[in-house]
Amino acid sequence: MDKFHVIAPYLFPIMLILLGALVINVALIAIVVSFIKNRFEGDYPEGGHKRG
């Protein structure tokens, strides 16, 4: 922790960028999953699969 004073002014911007990237990733994944579920819903046959 000898050099903490060097990085201390940059901690808030770094945390802000990380939090923003996390929010963008979660939102994008939610949008993609929602699109896939809505686009391909009903394309699969009803009923169970026969297993071995």
PDB file of N, CA and C in Angstrom:
ATOM      1  N   MET A   1       0.822  -1.199   0.000  1.00  0.00           N
ATOM      2  CA  MET A   1       0.000   0.000   0.000  1.00  0.00           C
ATOM      3  C   MET A   1       0.865   1.262   0.000  1.00  0.00           C
ATOM      4  N   ASP A   2       2.114   1.109  -0.403  1.00  0.00           N
ATOM      5  CA  ASP A   2       3.008   2.264  -0.446  1.00  0.00           C
ATOM      6  C   ASP A   2       2.568   3.280  -1.492  1.00  0.00           C
ATOM      7  N   LYS A   3       2.005   2.802  -2.583  1.00  0.00           N
ATOM      8  CA  LYS A   3       1.647   3.684  -3.697  1.00  0.00           C
ATOM      9  C   LYS A   3       0.144   3.963  -3.768  1.00  0.00           C
ATOM     10  N   PHE A   4      -0.572   3.780  -2.685  1.00  0.00           N
ATOM     11  CA  PHE A   4      -2.021   3.999  -2.701  1.00  0.00           C
ATOM     12  C   PHE A   4      -2.356   5.438  -3.062  1.00  0.00           C
ATOM     13  N   HIS A   5      -1.545   6.376  -2.608  1.00  0.00           N
ATOM     14  CA  HIS A   5      -1.810   7.791  -2.894  1.00  0.00           C
ATOM     15  C   HIS A   5      -1.724   8.088  -4.391  1.00  0.00           C
ATOM     16  N   VAL A   6      -1.045   7.234  -5.139  1.00  0.00           N
ATOM     17  CA  VAL A   6      -0.923   7.438  -6.585  1.00  0.00           C
ATOM     18  C   VAL A   6      -2.218   7.050  -7.289  1.00  0.00           C
ATOM     19  N   ILE A   7      -2.835   5.947  -6.866  1.00  0.00           N
ATOM     20  CA  ILE A   7      -4.050   5.478  -7.545  1.00  0.00           C
ATOM     21  C   ILE A   7      -5.330   5.964  -6.881  1.00  0.00           C
ATOM     22  N   ALA A   8      -5.247   6.537  -5.712  1.00  0.00           N
ATOM     23  CA  ALA A   8      -6.443   6.970  -4.983  1.00  0.00           C
ATOM     24  C   ALA A   8      -7.333   7.918  -5.791  1.00  0.00           C
ATOM     25  N   PRO A   9      -6.792   8.899  -6.517  1.00  0.00           N
ATOM     26  CA  PRO A   9      -7.676   9.791  -7.279  1.00  0.00           C
ATOM     27  C   PRO A   9      -8.424   9.088  -8.415  1.00  0.00           C
ATOM     28  N   TYR A  10      -7.941   7.923  -8.834  1.00  0.00           N
ATOM     29  CA  TYR A  10      -8.542   7.224  -9.969  1.00  0.00           C
ATOM     30  C   TYR A  10      -9.493   6.108  -9.553  1.00  0.00           C
ATOM     31  N   LEU A  11      -9.643   5.864  -8.275  1.00  0.00           N
ATOM     32  CA  LEU A  11     -10.493   4.758  -7.826  1.00  0.00           C
ATOM     33  C   LEU A  11     -11.961   4.981  -8.173  1.00  0.00           C
ATOM     34  N   PHE A  12     -12.465   6.182  -7.960  1.00  0.00           N
ATOM     35  CA  PHE A  12     -13.875   6.443  -8.273  1.00  0.00           C
ATOM     36  C   PHE A  12     -14.167   6.287  -9.764  1.00  0.00           C
ATOM     37  N   PRO A  13     -13.381   6.887 -10.664  1.00  0.00           N
ATOM     38  CA  PRO A  13     -13.656   6.668 -12.095  1.00  0.00           C
ATOM     39  C   PRO A  13     -13.551   5.202 -12.509  1.00  0.00           C
ATOM     40  N   ILE A  14     -12.594   4.484 -11.937  1.00  0.00           N
ATOM     41  CA  ILE A  14     -12.454   3.066 -12.274  1.00  0.00           C
ATOM     42  C   ILE A  14     -13.680   2.290 -11.817  1.00  0.00           C
ATOM     43  N   MET A  15     -14.135   2.540 -10.599  1.00  0.00           N
ATOM     44  CA  MET A  15     -15.321   1.850 -10.083  1.00  0.00           C
ATOM     45  C   MET A  15     -16.562   2.226 -10.893  1.00  0.00           C
ATOM     46  N   LEU A  16     -16.646   3.489 -11.305  1.00  0.00           N
ATOM     47  CA  LEU A  16     -17.783   3.934 -12.112  1.00  0.00           C
ATOM     48  C   LEU A  16     -17.797   3.226 -13.464  1.00  0.00           C
ATOM     49  N   ILE A  17     -16.645   3.095 -14.090  1.00  0.00           N
ATOM     50  CA  ILE A  17     -16.553   2.393 -15.374  1.00  0.00           C
ATOM     51  C   ILE A  17     -16.907   0.921 -15.204  1.00  0.00           C
ATOM     52  N   LEU A  18     -16.407   0.282 -14.152  1.00  0.00           N
ATOM     53  CA  LEU A  18     -16.719  -1.129 -13.914  1.00  0.00           C
ATOM     54  C   LEU A  18     -18.207  -1.336 -13.670  1.00  0.00           C
ATOM     55  N   LEU A  19     -18.809  -0.479 -12.870  1.00  0.00           N
ATOM     56  CA  LEU A  19     -20.240  -0.594 -12.595  1.00  0.00           C
ATOM     57  C   LEU A  19     -21.059  -0.364 -13.863  1.00  0.00           C
ATOM     58  N   GLY A  20     -20.672   0.626 -14.659  1.00  0.00           N
ATOM     59  CA  GLY A  20     -21.373   0.891 -15.917  1.00  0.00           C
ATOM     60  C   GLY A  20     -21.266  -0.280 -16.879  1.00  0.00           C
ATOM     61  N   ALA A  21     -20.086  -0.872 -16.970  1.00  0.00           N
ATOM     62  CA  ALA A  21     -19.897  -2.027 -17.848  1.00  0.00           C
ATOM     63  C   ALA A  21     -20.732  -3.210 -17.375  1.00  0.00           C
ATOM     64  N   LEU A  22     -20.813  -3.395 -16.064  1.00  0.00           N
ATOM     65  CA  LEU A  22     -21.622  -4.482 -15.514  1.00  0.00           C
ATOM     66  C   LEU A  22     -23.097  -4.285 -15.844  1.00  0.00           C
ATOM     67  N   VAL A  23     -23.598  -3.076 -15.675  1.00  0.00           N
ATOM     68  CA  VAL A  23     -25.007  -2.789 -15.967  1.00  0.00           C
ATOM     69  C   VAL A  23     -25.294  -2.977 -17.453  1.00  0.00           C
ATOM     70  N   ILE A  24     -24.402  -2.503 -18.306  1.00  0.00           N
ATOM     71  CA  ILE A  24     -24.594  -2.657 -19.754  1.00  0.00           C
ATOM     72  C   ILE A  24     -24.600  -4.133 -20.137  1.00  0.00           C
ATOM     73  N   ASN A  25     -23.708  -4.929 -19.570  1.00  0.00           N
ATOM     74  CA  ASN A  25     -23.660  -6.358 -19.878  1.00  0.00           C
ATOM     75  C   ASN A  25     -24.921  -7.077 -19.437  1.00  0.00           C
ATOM     76  N   VAL A  26     -25.384  -6.803 -18.235  1.00  0.00           N
ATOM     77  CA  VAL A  26     -26.596  -7.457 -17.740  1.00  0.00           C
ATOM     78  C   VAL A  26     -27.793  -7.067 -18.597  1.00  0.00           C
ATOM     79  N   ALA A  27     -27.904  -5.792 -18.945  1.00  0.00           N
ATOM     80  CA  ALA A  27     -29.020  -5.336 -19.774  1.00  0.00           C
ATOM     81  C   ALA A  27     -28.966  -5.967 -21.161  1.00  0.00           C
ATOM     82  N   LEU A  28     -27.791  -6.044 -21.754  1.00  0.00           N
ATOM     83  CA  LEU A  28     -27.659  -6.628 -23.086  1.00  0.00           C
ATOM     84  C   LEU A  28     -27.985  -8.115 -23.071  1.00  0.00           C
ATOM     85  N   ILE A  29     -27.531  -8.825 -22.063  1.00  0.00           N
ATOM     86  CA  ILE A  29     -27.856 -10.248 -21.950  1.00  0.00           C
ATOM     87  C   ILE A  29     -29.358 -10.437 -21.783  1.00  0.00           C
ATOM     88  N   ALA A  30     -29.997  -9.591 -20.976  1.00  0.00           N
ATOM     89  CA  ALA A  30     -31.447  -9.686 -20.790  1.00  0.00           C
ATOM     90  C   ALA A  30     -32.188  -9.434 -22.099  1.00  0.00           C
ATOM     91  N   ILE A  31     -31.742  -8.466 -22.872  1.00  0.00           N
ATOM     92  CA  ILE A  31     -32.387  -8.163 -24.155  1.00  0.00           C
ATOM     93  C   ILE A  31     -32.214  -9.327 -25.127  1.00  0.00           C
ATOM     94  N   VAL A  32     -31.023  -9.891 -25.198  1.00  0.00           N
ATOM     95  CA  VAL A  32     -30.766 -11.005 -26.116  1.00  0.00           C
ATOM     96  C   VAL A  32     -31.586 -12.230 -25.721  1.00  0.00           C
ATOM     97  N   VAL A  33     -31.618 -12.555 -24.438  1.00  0.00           N
ATOM     98  CA  VAL A  33     -32.392 -13.713 -23.981  1.00  0.00           C
ATOM     99  C   VAL A  33     -33.875 -13.501 -24.254  1.00  0.00           C
ATOM    100  N   SER A  34     -34.372 -12.300 -23.992  1.00  0.00           N
ATOM    101  CA  SER A  34     -35.776 -11.999 -24.262  1.00  0.00           C
ATOM    102  C   SER A  34     -36.088 -12.131 -25.751  1.00  0.00           C
ATOM    103  N   PHE A  35     -35.199 -11.634 -26.605  1.00  0.00           N
ATOM    104  CA  PHE A  35     -35.401 -11.738 -28.047  1.00  0.00           C
ATOM    105  C   PHE A  35     -35.427 -13.193 -28.488  1.00  0.00           C
ATOM    106  N   ILE A  36     -34.487 -13.980 -27.997  1.00  0.00           N
ATOM    107  CA  ILE A  36     -34.422 -15.389 -28.384  1.00  0.00           C
ATOM    108  C   ILE A  36     -35.661 -16.134 -27.908  1.00  0.00           C
ATOM    109  N   LYS A  37     -36.093 -15.878 -26.682  1.00  0.00           N
ATOM    110  CA  LYS A  37     -37.282 -16.561 -26.172  1.00  0.00           C
ATOM    111  C   LYS A  37     -38.519 -16.193 -26.984  1.00  0.00           C
ATOM    112  N   ASN A  38     -38.671 -14.918 -27.331  1.00  0.00           N
ATOM    113  CA  ASN A  38     -39.841 -14.489 -28.099  1.00  0.00           C
ATOM    114  C   ASN A  38     -39.765 -14.950 -29.549  1.00  0.00           C
ATOM    115  N   ARG A  39     -38.582 -14.968 -30.121  1.00  0.00           N
ATOM    116  CA  ARG A  39     -38.421 -15.318 -31.536  1.00  0.00           C
ATOM    117  C   ARG A  39     -38.639 -16.805 -31.781  1.00  0.00           C
ATOM    118  N   PHE A  40     -38.149 -17.633 -30.881  1.00  0.00           N
ATOM    119  CA  PHE A  40     -38.179 -19.070 -31.116  1.00  0.00           C
ATOM    120  C   PHE A  40     -39.199 -19.795 -30.260  1.00  0.00           C
ATOM    121  N   GLU A  41     -40.063 -19.068 -29.574  1.00  0.00           N
ATOM    122  CA  GLU A  41     -41.081 -19.711 -28.747  1.00  0.00           C
ATOM    123  C   GLU A  41     -42.073 -20.448 -29.644  1.00  0.00           C
ATOM    124  N   GLY A  42     -42.350 -21.680 -29.311  1.00  0.00           N
ATOM    125  CA  GLY A  42     -43.327 -22.446 -30.062  1.00  0.00           C
ATOM    126  C   GLY A  42     -42.743 -23.243 -31.211  1.00  0.00           C
ATOM    127  N   ASP A  43     -41.445 -23.148 -31.436  1.00  0.00           N
ATOM    128  CA  ASP A  43     -40.829 -23.885 -32.533  1.00  0.00           C
ATOM    129  C   ASP A  43     -40.508 -25.328 -32.164  1.00  0.00           C
ATOM    130  N   TYR A  44     -40.690 -25.678 -30.904  1.00  0.00           N
ATOM    131  CA  TYR A  44     -40.326 -27.009 -30.445  1.00  0.00           C
ATOM    132  C   TYR A  44     -41.581 -27.833 -30.200  1.00  0.00           C
ATOM    133  N   PRO A  45     -41.555 -29.125 -30.509  1.00  0.00           N
ATOM    134  CA  PRO A  45     -42.744 -29.968 -30.325  1.00  0.00           C
ATOM    135  C   PRO A  45     -43.089 -30.128 -28.847  1.00  0.00           C
ATOM    136  N   GLU A  46     -44.382 -30.279 -28.596  1.00  0.00           N
ATOM    137  CA  GLU A  46     -44.863 -30.487 -27.227  1.00  0.00           C
ATOM    138  C   GLU A  46     -44.557 -31.909 -26.786  1.00  0.00           C
ATOM    139  N   GLY A  47     -44.531 -32.120 -25.497  1.00  0.00           N
ATOM    140  CA  GLY A  47     -44.352 -33.464 -24.964  1.00  0.00           C
ATOM    141  C   GLY A  47     -42.919 -33.751 -24.582  1.00  0.00           C
ATOM    142  N   GLY A  48     -42.756 -34.869 -23.891  1.00  0.00           N
ATOM    143  CA  GLY A  48     -41.431 -35.255 -23.417  1.00  0.00           C
ATOM    144  C   GLY A  48     -40.644 -35.984 -24.484  1.00  0.00           C
ATOM    145  N   HIS A  49     -39.404 -36.151 -24.206  1.00  0.00           N
ATOM    146  CA  HIS A  49     -38.529 -36.880 -25.119  1.00  0.00           C
ATOM    147  C   HIS A  49     -38.375 -38.311 -24.610  1.00  0.00           C
ATOM    148  N   LYS A  50     -38.270 -39.250 -25.551  1.00  0.00           N
ATOM    149  CA  LYS A  50     -38.022 -40.640 -25.163  1.00  0.00           C
ATOM    150  C   LYS A  50     -36.555 -40.797 -24.833  1.00  0.00           C
ATOM    151  N   ARG A  51     -36.297 -41.387 -23.694  1.00  0.00           N
ATOM    152  CA  ARG A  51     -34.905 -41.591 -23.286  1.00  0.00           C
ATOM    153  C   ARG A  51     -34.624 -43.072 -23.196  1.00  0.00           C
ATOM    154  N   GLY A  52     -33.537 -43.471 -23.792  1.00  0.00           N
ATOM    155  CA  GLY A  52     -32.969 -44.727 -23.843  1.00  0.00           C
ATOM    156  C   GLY A  52     -33.516 -45.951 -23.452  1.00  0.00           C
TER     157      GLY A  52
END
